[in-house]
Amino acid sequence: MELNINGKSYTIADGPARPLLWVLRDELGLTGTKFGCGAGYCGSCTVHVEGEAKRSCITPVTEAAGKTIRTIEGLAEAGADGSLTLHPVQQAFLEMQVPQCSWCMSGQMMTAAALLESTPSPSDEQIVAAMSQNYCRCGCYVRIKAAVAQAARQMARAEEGAA
Protein backbone atom coordinates (compact mmCIF):
# COMPACT_ATOMS: atom_id res chain seq x y z
CA MET A 1 0.00 0.00 0.00
CA GLU A 2 1.31 3.46 -0.90
CA LEU A 3 1.17 6.44 1.42
CA ASN A 4 2.04 10.01 0.43
CA ILE A 5 3.23 11.71 3.60
CA ASN A 6 4.74 15.19 3.65
CA GLY A 7 5.45 14.96 -0.07
CA LYS A 8 7.27 11.61 0.12
CA SER A 9 6.00 8.20 -0.96
CA TYR A 10 6.16 5.28 1.43
CA THR A 11 5.31 1.67 0.73
CA ILE A 12 3.94 -0.25 3.66
CA ALA A 13 2.73 -3.82 3.85
CA ASP A 14 -0.95 -4.46 3.39
CA GLY A 15 -2.49 -5.97 6.45
CA PRO A 16 -5.34 -5.74 8.86
CA ALA A 17 -6.78 -2.31 9.49
CA ARG A 18 -4.17 -0.50 11.54
CA PRO A 19 -4.54 3.01 12.88
CA LEU A 20 -2.63 5.55 10.82
CA LEU A 21 -1.01 6.79 14.04
CA TRP A 22 0.91 3.57 14.62
CA VAL A 23 2.06 3.37 11.01
CA LEU A 24 3.34 6.96 11.22
CA ARG A 25 5.08 6.50 14.56
CA ASP A 26 6.20 2.89 14.67
CA GLU A 27 6.76 1.97 11.04
CA LEU A 28 7.86 5.29 9.55
CA GLY A 29 9.47 7.00 12.57
CA LEU A 30 7.33 10.16 12.28
CA THR A 31 7.00 10.61 16.02
CA GLY A 32 5.82 14.22 16.07
CA THR A 33 2.26 12.92 15.96
CA LYS A 34 1.46 11.97 19.55
CA PHE A 35 -0.64 9.24 21.13
CA GLY A 36 -3.02 10.69 23.68
CA CYS A 37 -6.33 8.99 24.39
CA GLY A 38 -6.43 6.44 21.58
CA ALA A 39 -10.15 7.06 21.10
CA GLY A 40 -10.19 10.18 18.91
CA TYR A 41 -11.17 12.59 21.69
CA CYS A 42 -8.07 14.54 22.74
CA GLY A 43 -6.65 15.60 19.36
CA SER A 44 -2.96 15.07 20.10
CA CYS A 45 -2.75 12.69 17.12
CA THR A 46 -4.24 15.13 14.58
CA VAL A 47 -2.81 15.05 11.05
CA HIS A 48 -4.11 16.32 7.71
CA VAL A 49 -5.61 13.90 5.21
CA GLU A 50 -6.39 15.72 1.96
CA GLY A 51 -6.12 18.97 3.93
CA GLU A 52 -8.70 17.96 6.54
CA ALA A 53 -7.78 17.55 10.20
CA LYS A 54 -8.14 13.86 11.12
CA ARG A 55 -7.53 11.88 14.31
CA SER A 56 -4.87 9.41 13.26
CA CYS A 57 -5.51 7.13 16.25
CA ILE A 58 -8.94 6.19 14.84
CA THR A 59 -8.23 6.59 11.11
CA PRO A 60 -7.50 3.21 9.50
CA VAL A 61 -4.38 3.41 7.36
CA THR A 62 -6.44 1.95 4.50
CA GLU A 63 -8.62 5.09 4.60
CA ALA A 64 -5.54 7.28 4.08
CA ALA A 65 -3.92 5.20 1.35
CA GLY A 66 -3.57 7.09 -1.91
CA LYS A 67 -4.38 10.41 -0.25
CA THR A 68 -2.12 13.30 0.68
CA ILE A 69 -1.15 13.12 4.34
CA ARG A 70 0.64 15.87 6.24
CA THR A 71 2.06 15.50 9.72
CA ILE A 72 3.61 18.09 12.00
CA GLU A 73 6.99 17.19 10.43
CA GLY A 74 5.63 18.45 7.09
CA LEU A 75 4.08 21.69 8.32
CA ALA A 76 7.26 23.74 7.97
CA GLU A 77 8.64 24.25 4.47
CA ALA A 78 12.16 23.24 3.50
CA GLY A 79 14.16 25.65 1.39
CA ALA A 80 16.47 24.60 -1.43
CA ASP A 81 19.40 24.95 0.96
CA GLY A 82 17.77 22.65 3.51
CA SER A 83 16.74 25.43 5.87
CA LEU A 84 13.25 25.31 7.35
CA THR A 85 10.70 28.09 7.29
CA LEU A 86 8.17 27.56 10.03
CA HIS A 87 4.50 27.59 9.14
CA PRO A 88 2.84 30.75 10.51
CA VAL A 89 1.00 28.62 13.09
CA GLN A 90 4.28 27.17 14.36
CA GLN A 91 5.85 30.63 14.45
CA ALA A 92 2.90 32.12 16.32
CA PHE A 93 2.84 29.29 18.87
CA LEU A 94 6.52 29.97 19.59
CA GLU A 95 6.13 33.75 19.73
CA MET A 96 3.10 33.51 22.03
CA GLN A 97 4.95 30.96 24.21
CA VAL A 98 2.02 28.57 24.00
CA PRO A 99 3.64 25.21 24.80
CA GLN A 100 4.10 24.02 28.34
CA CYS A 101 4.35 20.23 28.43
CA SER A 102 3.85 20.24 24.63
CA TRP A 103 2.17 16.83 24.42
CA CYS A 104 -0.89 18.21 22.63
CA MET A 105 0.90 20.90 20.63
CA SER A 106 1.43 19.04 17.36
CA GLY A 107 -2.29 18.23 17.26
CA GLN A 108 -3.18 21.78 18.25
CA MET A 109 -1.01 23.20 15.47
CA MET A 110 -2.33 20.77 12.87
CA THR A 111 -5.92 21.63 13.79
CA ALA A 112 -5.11 25.35 13.65
CA ALA A 113 -3.39 25.02 10.26
CA ALA A 114 -6.39 23.14 8.82
CA LEU A 115 -8.70 25.86 10.16
CA LEU A 116 -6.64 28.63 8.59
CA GLU A 117 -6.46 26.82 5.25
CA SER A 118 -10.26 26.60 5.11
CA THR A 119 -11.04 29.87 6.94
CA PRO A 120 -8.19 32.37 6.43
CA SER A 121 -9.70 35.10 8.64
CA PRO A 122 -11.58 33.29 11.39
CA SER A 123 -13.53 35.10 14.06
CA ASP A 124 -12.75 34.43 17.71
CA GLU A 125 -15.83 32.22 17.83
CA GLN A 126 -14.64 30.19 14.84
CA ILE A 127 -11.22 29.72 16.43
CA VAL A 128 -12.76 28.55 19.70
CA ALA A 129 -15.13 26.19 17.88
CA ALA A 130 -12.39 24.67 15.73
CA MET A 131 -9.96 24.26 18.60
CA SER A 132 -12.53 23.10 21.16
CA GLN A 133 -12.05 19.43 20.33
CA ASN A 134 -8.32 19.52 21.11
CA TYR A 135 -7.57 19.15 24.78
CA CYS A 136 -4.68 20.74 26.63
CA ARG A 137 -4.00 19.36 30.08
CA CYS A 138 -1.91 22.43 30.89
CA GLY A 139 -4.83 24.77 30.18
CA CYS A 140 -3.08 26.92 27.58
CA TYR A 141 -6.36 27.71 25.79
CA VAL A 142 -6.08 31.51 26.01
CA ARG A 143 -2.59 31.44 24.47
CA ILE A 144 -3.66 28.88 21.87
CA LYS A 145 -6.54 31.12 20.75
CA ALA A 146 -4.23 34.16 20.63
CA ALA A 147 -1.62 32.25 18.62
CA VAL A 148 -4.17 31.05 16.06
CA ALA A 149 -5.43 34.63 15.64
CA GLN A 150 -1.85 35.89 15.28
CA ALA A 151 -1.08 33.21 12.67
CA ALA A 152 -4.18 34.28 10.72
CA ARG A 153 -2.96 37.89 10.76
CA GLN A 154 0.55 36.82 9.66
CA MET A 155 -0.89 34.79 6.81
CA ALA A 156 -3.11 37.69 5.72
CA ARG A 157 -0.10 40.06 5.72
CA ALA A 158 1.94 37.57 3.70
CA GLU A 159 -0.94 37.21 1.21
CA GLU A 160 -1.21 41.00 0.88
CA GLY A 161 2.54 41.24 0.31
CA ALA A 162 2.39 38.57 -2.40
CA ALA A 163 -0.40 40.35 -4.26
C-alpha atoms as a PDB file:
ATOM      1  CA  MET A   1       0.000   0.000   0.000  1.00  0.00           C
ATOM      2  CA  GLU A   2       1.306   3.465  -0.904  1.00  0.00           C
ATOM      3  CA  LEU A   3       1.168   6.440   1.424  1.00  0.00           C
ATOM      4  CA  ASN A   4       2.042  10.013   0.426  1.00  0.00           C
ATOM      5  CA  ILE A   5       3.229  11.708   3.597  1.00  0.00           C
ATOM      6  CA  ASN A   6       4.742  15.191   3.651  1.00  0.00           C
ATOM      7  CA  GLY A   7       5.452  14.959  -0.071  1.00  0.00           C
ATOM      8  CA  LYS A   8       7.268  11.615   0.119  1.00  0.00           C
ATOM      9  CA  SER A   9       6.001   8.199  -0.959  1.00  0.00           C
ATOM     10  CA  TYR A  10       6.155   5.280   1.427  1.00  0.00           C
ATOM     11  CA  THR A  11       5.310   1.670   0.732  1.00  0.00           C
ATOM     12  CA  ILE A  12       3.941  -0.251   3.664  1.00  0.00           C
ATOM     13  CA  ALA A  13       2.728  -3.818   3.849  1.00  0.00           C
ATOM     14  CA  ASP A  14      -0.951  -4.462   3.387  1.00  0.00           C
ATOM     15  CA  GLY A  15      -2.493  -5.970   6.446  1.00  0.00           C
ATOM     16  CA  PRO A  16      -5.343  -5.737   8.858  1.00  0.00           C
ATOM     17  CA  ALA A  17      -6.783  -2.308   9.492  1.00  0.00           C
ATOM     18  CA  ARG A  18      -4.174  -0.502  11.544  1.00  0.00           C
ATOM     19  CA  PRO A  19      -4.545   3.010  12.878  1.00  0.00           C
ATOM     20  CA  LEU A  20      -2.632   5.555  10.820  1.00  0.00           C
ATOM     21  CA  LEU A  21      -1.011   6.792  14.042  1.00  0.00           C
ATOM     22  CA  TRP A  22       0.911   3.570  14.615  1.00  0.00           C
ATOM     23  CA  VAL A  23       2.059   3.367  11.011  1.00  0.00           C
ATOM     24  CA  LEU A  24       3.338   6.956  11.225  1.00  0.00           C
ATOM     25  CA  ARG A  25       5.083   6.502  14.562  1.00  0.00           C
ATOM     26  CA  ASP A  26       6.201   2.886  14.672  1.00  0.00           C
ATOM     27  CA  GLU A  27       6.763   1.969  11.045  1.00  0.00           C
ATOM     28  CA  LEU A  28       7.861   5.290   9.545  1.00  0.00           C
ATOM     29  CA  GLY A  29       9.466   7.001  12.567  1.00  0.00           C
ATOM     30  CA  LEU A  30       7.334  10.164  12.279  1.00  0.00           C
ATOM     31  CA  THR A  31       6.995  10.606  16.019  1.00  0.00           C
ATOM     32  CA  GLY A  32       5.816  14.218  16.066  1.00  0.00           C
ATOM     33  CA  THR A  33       2.256  12.917  15.963  1.00  0.00           C
ATOM     34  CA  LYS A  34       1.461  11.972  19.546  1.00  0.00           C
ATOM     35  CA  PHE A  35      -0.643   9.245  21.133  1.00  0.00           C
ATOM     36  CA  GLY A  36      -3.025  10.690  23.680  1.00  0.00           C
ATOM     37  CA  CYS A  37      -6.327   8.991  24.393  1.00  0.00           C
ATOM     38  CA  GLY A  38      -6.435   6.436  21.579  1.00  0.00           C
ATOM     39  CA  ALA A  39     -10.150   7.060  21.102  1.00  0.00           C
ATOM     40  CA  GLY A  40     -10.188  10.183  18.913  1.00  0.00           C
ATOM     41  CA  TYR A  41     -11.166  12.595  21.691  1.00  0.00           C
ATOM     42  CA  CYS A  42      -8.074  14.540  22.737  1.00  0.00           C
ATOM     43  CA  GLY A  43      -6.647  15.596  19.360  1.00  0.00           C
ATOM     44  CA  SER A  44      -2.957  15.066  20.103  1.00  0.00           C
ATOM     45  CA  CYS A  45      -2.749  12.694  17.117  1.00  0.00           C
ATOM     46  CA  THR A  46      -4.238  15.127  14.582  1.00  0.00           C
ATOM     47  CA  VAL A  47      -2.807  15.050  11.051  1.00  0.00           C
ATOM     48  CA  HIS A  48      -4.112  16.319   7.711  1.00  0.00           C
ATOM     49  CA  VAL A  49      -5.605  13.904   5.208  1.00  0.00           C
ATOM     50  CA  GLU A  50      -6.388  15.722   1.961  1.00  0.00           C
ATOM     51  CA  GLY A  51      -6.123  18.969   3.934  1.00  0.00           C
ATOM     52  CA  GLU A  52      -8.696  17.957   6.536  1.00  0.00           C
ATOM     53  CA  ALA A  53      -7.782  17.546  10.197  1.00  0.00           C
ATOM     54  CA  LYS A  54      -8.135  13.863  11.121  1.00  0.00           C
ATOM     55  CA  ARG A  55      -7.528  11.885  14.312  1.00  0.00           C
ATOM     56  CA  SER A  56      -4.872   9.407  13.261  1.00  0.00           C
ATOM     57  CA  CYS A  57      -5.513   7.129  16.250  1.00  0.00           C
ATOM     58  CA  ILE A  58      -8.940   6.189  14.836  1.00  0.00           C
ATOM     59  CA  THR A  59      -8.232   6.590  11.108  1.00  0.00           C
ATOM     60  CA  PRO A  60      -7.495   3.214   9.501  1.00  0.00           C
ATOM     61  CA  VAL A  61      -4.383   3.406   7.358  1.00  0.00           C
ATOM     62  CA  THR A  62      -6.440   1.949   4.502  1.00  0.00           C
ATOM     63  CA  GLU A  63      -8.617   5.085   4.601  1.00  0.00           C
ATOM     64  CA  ALA A  64      -5.543   7.285   4.083  1.00  0.00           C
ATOM     65  CA  ALA A  65      -3.919   5.196   1.348  1.00  0.00           C
ATOM     66  CA  GLY A  66      -3.566   7.090  -1.911  1.00  0.00           C
ATOM     67  CA  LYS A  67      -4.383  10.407  -0.246  1.00  0.00           C
ATOM     68  CA  THR A  68      -2.120  13.297   0.676  1.00  0.00           C
ATOM     69  CA  ILE A  69      -1.152  13.120   4.336  1.00  0.00           C
ATOM     70  CA  ARG A  70       0.642  15.868   6.241  1.00  0.00           C
ATOM     71  CA  THR A  71       2.057  15.499   9.722  1.00  0.00           C
ATOM     72  CA  ILE A  72       3.615  18.093  11.996  1.00  0.00           C
ATOM     73  CA  GLU A  73       6.985  17.192  10.429  1.00  0.00           C
ATOM     74  CA  GLY A  74       5.629  18.447   7.091  1.00  0.00           C
ATOM     75  CA  LEU A  75       4.083  21.685   8.317  1.00  0.00           C
ATOM     76  CA  ALA A  76       7.265  23.745   7.974  1.00  0.00           C
ATOM     77  CA  GLU A  77       8.643  24.250   4.475  1.00  0.00           C
ATOM     78  CA  ALA A  78      12.158  23.239   3.501  1.00  0.00           C
ATOM     79  CA  GLY A  79      14.157  25.650   1.389  1.00  0.00           C
ATOM     80  CA  ALA A  80      16.467  24.596  -1.434  1.00  0.00           C
ATOM     81  CA  ASP A  81      19.403  24.953   0.960  1.00  0.00           C
ATOM     82  CA  GLY A  82      17.768  22.646   3.506  1.00  0.00           C
ATOM     83  CA  SER A  83      16.742  25.427   5.865  1.00  0.00           C
ATOM     84  CA  LEU A  84      13.251  25.312   7.346  1.00  0.00           C
ATOM     85  CA  THR A  85      10.700  28.089   7.292  1.00  0.00           C
ATOM     86  CA  LEU A  86       8.173  27.558  10.032  1.00  0.00           C
ATOM     87  CA  HIS A  87       4.501  27.586   9.144  1.00  0.00           C
ATOM     88  CA  PRO A  88       2.839  30.753  10.509  1.00  0.00           C
ATOM     89  CA  VAL A  89       1.002  28.618  13.089  1.00  0.00           C
ATOM     90  CA  GLN A  90       4.281  27.169  14.358  1.00  0.00           C
ATOM     91  CA  GLN A  91       5.852  30.629  14.454  1.00  0.00           C
ATOM     92  CA  ALA A  92       2.896  32.123  16.320  1.00  0.00           C
ATOM     93  CA  PHE A  93       2.841  29.286  18.875  1.00  0.00           C
ATOM     94  CA  LEU A  94       6.520  29.968  19.591  1.00  0.00           C
ATOM     95  CA  GLU A  95       6.131  33.753  19.730  1.00  0.00           C
ATOM     96  CA  MET A  96       3.102  33.505  22.026  1.00  0.00           C
ATOM     97  CA  GLN A  97       4.947  30.960  24.209  1.00  0.00           C
ATOM     98  CA  VAL A  98       2.015  28.567  23.997  1.00  0.00           C
ATOM     99  CA  PRO A  99       3.636  25.206  24.796  1.00  0.00           C
ATOM    100  CA  GLN A 100       4.096  24.021  28.338  1.00  0.00           C
ATOM    101  CA  CYS A 101       4.349  20.233  28.434  1.00  0.00           C
ATOM    102  CA  SER A 102       3.851  20.241  24.629  1.00  0.00           C
ATOM    103  CA  TRP A 103       2.170  16.833  24.419  1.00  0.00           C
ATOM    104  CA  CYS A 104      -0.887  18.213  22.627  1.00  0.00           C
ATOM    105  CA  MET A 105       0.897  20.902  20.631  1.00  0.00           C
ATOM    106  CA  SER A 106       1.434  19.039  17.356  1.00  0.00           C
ATOM    107  CA  GLY A 107      -2.287  18.225  17.263  1.00  0.00           C
ATOM    108  CA  GLN A 108      -3.178  21.784  18.254  1.00  0.00           C
ATOM    109  CA  MET A 109      -1.010  23.201  15.471  1.00  0.00           C
ATOM    110  CA  MET A 110      -2.328  20.766  12.868  1.00  0.00           C
ATOM    111  CA  THR A 111      -5.915  21.633  13.792  1.00  0.00           C
ATOM    112  CA  ALA A 112      -5.112  25.352  13.649  1.00  0.00           C
ATOM    113  CA  ALA A 113      -3.390  25.020  10.257  1.00  0.00           C
ATOM    114  CA  ALA A 114      -6.393  23.142   8.823  1.00  0.00           C
ATOM    115  CA  LEU A 115      -8.701  25.856  10.161  1.00  0.00           C
ATOM    116  CA  LEU A 116      -6.641  28.626   8.587  1.00  0.00           C
ATOM    117  CA  GLU A 117      -6.464  26.821   5.252  1.00  0.00           C
ATOM    118  CA  SER A 118     -10.260  26.599   5.112  1.00  0.00           C
ATOM    119  CA  THR A 119     -11.039  29.868   6.937  1.00  0.00           C
ATOM    120  CA  PRO A 120      -8.191  32.367   6.431  1.00  0.00           C
ATOM    121  CA  SER A 121      -9.704  35.098   8.635  1.00  0.00           C
ATOM    122  CA  PRO A 122     -11.584  33.285  11.389  1.00  0.00           C
ATOM    123  CA  SER A 123     -13.530  35.100  14.056  1.00  0.00           C
ATOM    124  CA  ASP A 124     -12.749  34.427  17.706  1.00  0.00           C
ATOM    125  CA  GLU A 125     -15.835  32.215  17.834  1.00  0.00           C
ATOM    126  CA  GLN A 126     -14.640  30.186  14.837  1.00  0.00           C
ATOM    127  CA  ILE A 127     -11.219  29.719  16.426  1.00  0.00           C
ATOM    128  CA  VAL A 128     -12.761  28.555  19.698  1.00  0.00           C
ATOM    129  CA  ALA A 129     -15.134  26.194  17.880  1.00  0.00           C
ATOM    130  CA  ALA A 130     -12.387  24.672  15.728  1.00  0.00           C
ATOM    131  CA  MET A 131      -9.961  24.257  18.600  1.00  0.00           C
ATOM    132  CA  SER A 132     -12.534  23.101  21.162  1.00  0.00           C
ATOM    133  CA  GLN A 133     -12.047  19.430  20.330  1.00  0.00           C
ATOM    134  CA  ASN A 134      -8.320  19.521  21.110  1.00  0.00           C
ATOM    135  CA  TYR A 135      -7.572  19.152  24.783  1.00  0.00           C
ATOM    136  CA  CYS A 136      -4.678  20.744  26.632  1.00  0.00           C
ATOM    137  CA  ARG A 137      -4.000  19.359  30.079  1.00  0.00           C
ATOM    138  CA  CYS A 138      -1.911  22.427  30.894  1.00  0.00           C
ATOM    139  CA  GLY A 139      -4.834  24.766  30.184  1.00  0.00           C
ATOM    140  CA  CYS A 140      -3.084  26.923  27.576  1.00  0.00           C
ATOM    141  CA  TYR A 141      -6.358  27.712  25.789  1.00  0.00           C
ATOM    142  CA  VAL A 142      -6.077  31.510  26.012  1.00  0.00           C
ATOM    143  CA  ARG A 143      -2.589  31.442  24.469  1.00  0.00           C
ATOM    144  CA  ILE A 144      -3.663  28.884  21.865  1.00  0.00           C
ATOM    145  CA  LYS A 145      -6.536  31.122  20.746  1.00  0.00           C
ATOM    146  CA  ALA A 146      -4.231  34.161  20.635  1.00  0.00           C
ATOM    147  CA  ALA A 147      -1.616  32.249  18.617  1.00  0.00           C
ATOM    148  CA  VAL A 148      -4.174  31.049  16.060  1.00  0.00           C
ATOM    149  CA  ALA A 149      -5.430  34.633  15.645  1.00  0.00           C
ATOM    150  CA  GLN A 150      -1.845  35.891  15.284  1.00  0.00           C
ATOM    151  CA  ALA A 151      -1.081  33.212  12.667  1.00  0.00           C
ATOM    152  CA  ALA A 152      -4.183  34.278  10.716  1.00  0.00           C
ATOM    153  CA  ARG A 153      -2.960  37.893  10.759  1.00  0.00           C
ATOM    154  CA  GLN A 154       0.546  36.822   9.660  1.00  0.00           C
ATOM    155  CA  MET A 155      -0.889  34.788   6.812  1.00  0.00           C
ATOM    156  CA  ALA A 156      -3.105  37.689   5.720  1.00  0.00           C
ATOM    157  CA  ARG A 157      -0.105  40.064   5.716  1.00  0.00           C
ATOM    158  CA  ALA A 158       1.936  37.574   3.701  1.00  0.00           C
ATOM    159  CA  GLU A 159      -0.937  37.210   1.214  1.00  0.00           C
ATOM    160  CA  GLU A 160      -1.210  40.999   0.876  1.00  0.00           C
ATOM    161  CA  GLY A 161       2.543  41.239   0.310  1.00  0.00           C
ATOM    162  CA  ALA A 162       2.389  38.571  -2.397  1.00  0.00           C
ATOM    163  CA  ALA A 163      -0.401  40.350  -4.260  1.00  0.00           C
END
